[in-house]
């Protein structure tokens, strides 16, 4: 994980492996900021959808004991949403660097569309 200072606040850039580990240990909440269509085509199992289009930082749950980590397709939108999270008064924010593309490149499992049935199924990564 890489950290960046943004106006005295911390923006964390998590690797796909960091996110996978955090999910496995139930330490994070992964927020997918892509569109509903992108999410339906493929997504990380357990990720919650909060599209960038209607994103409101104040509507996100408090982190509590679990860290919120934002993700998108490439890391661009999730970084922007993490920066909005910081601007809303939080001291730190995290996002998946490289986005869903990095997740797939790392060979991690995800939910995708089964071409044989058109339904969703677990993909090995």
Foldseek 3Di string as FASTA:
>chain_A
DDWDADPQAIEAADELVRVVVCVVVVQAAEEEQDDPVVVQAKDAPRHHYDHLVPDDLVPDDDQPRHAYEYFYQQQPSSSVSQVVNVVVPDRYYYYHHGGPVSNVVVQPKIWHADPVPRHIDIDRD
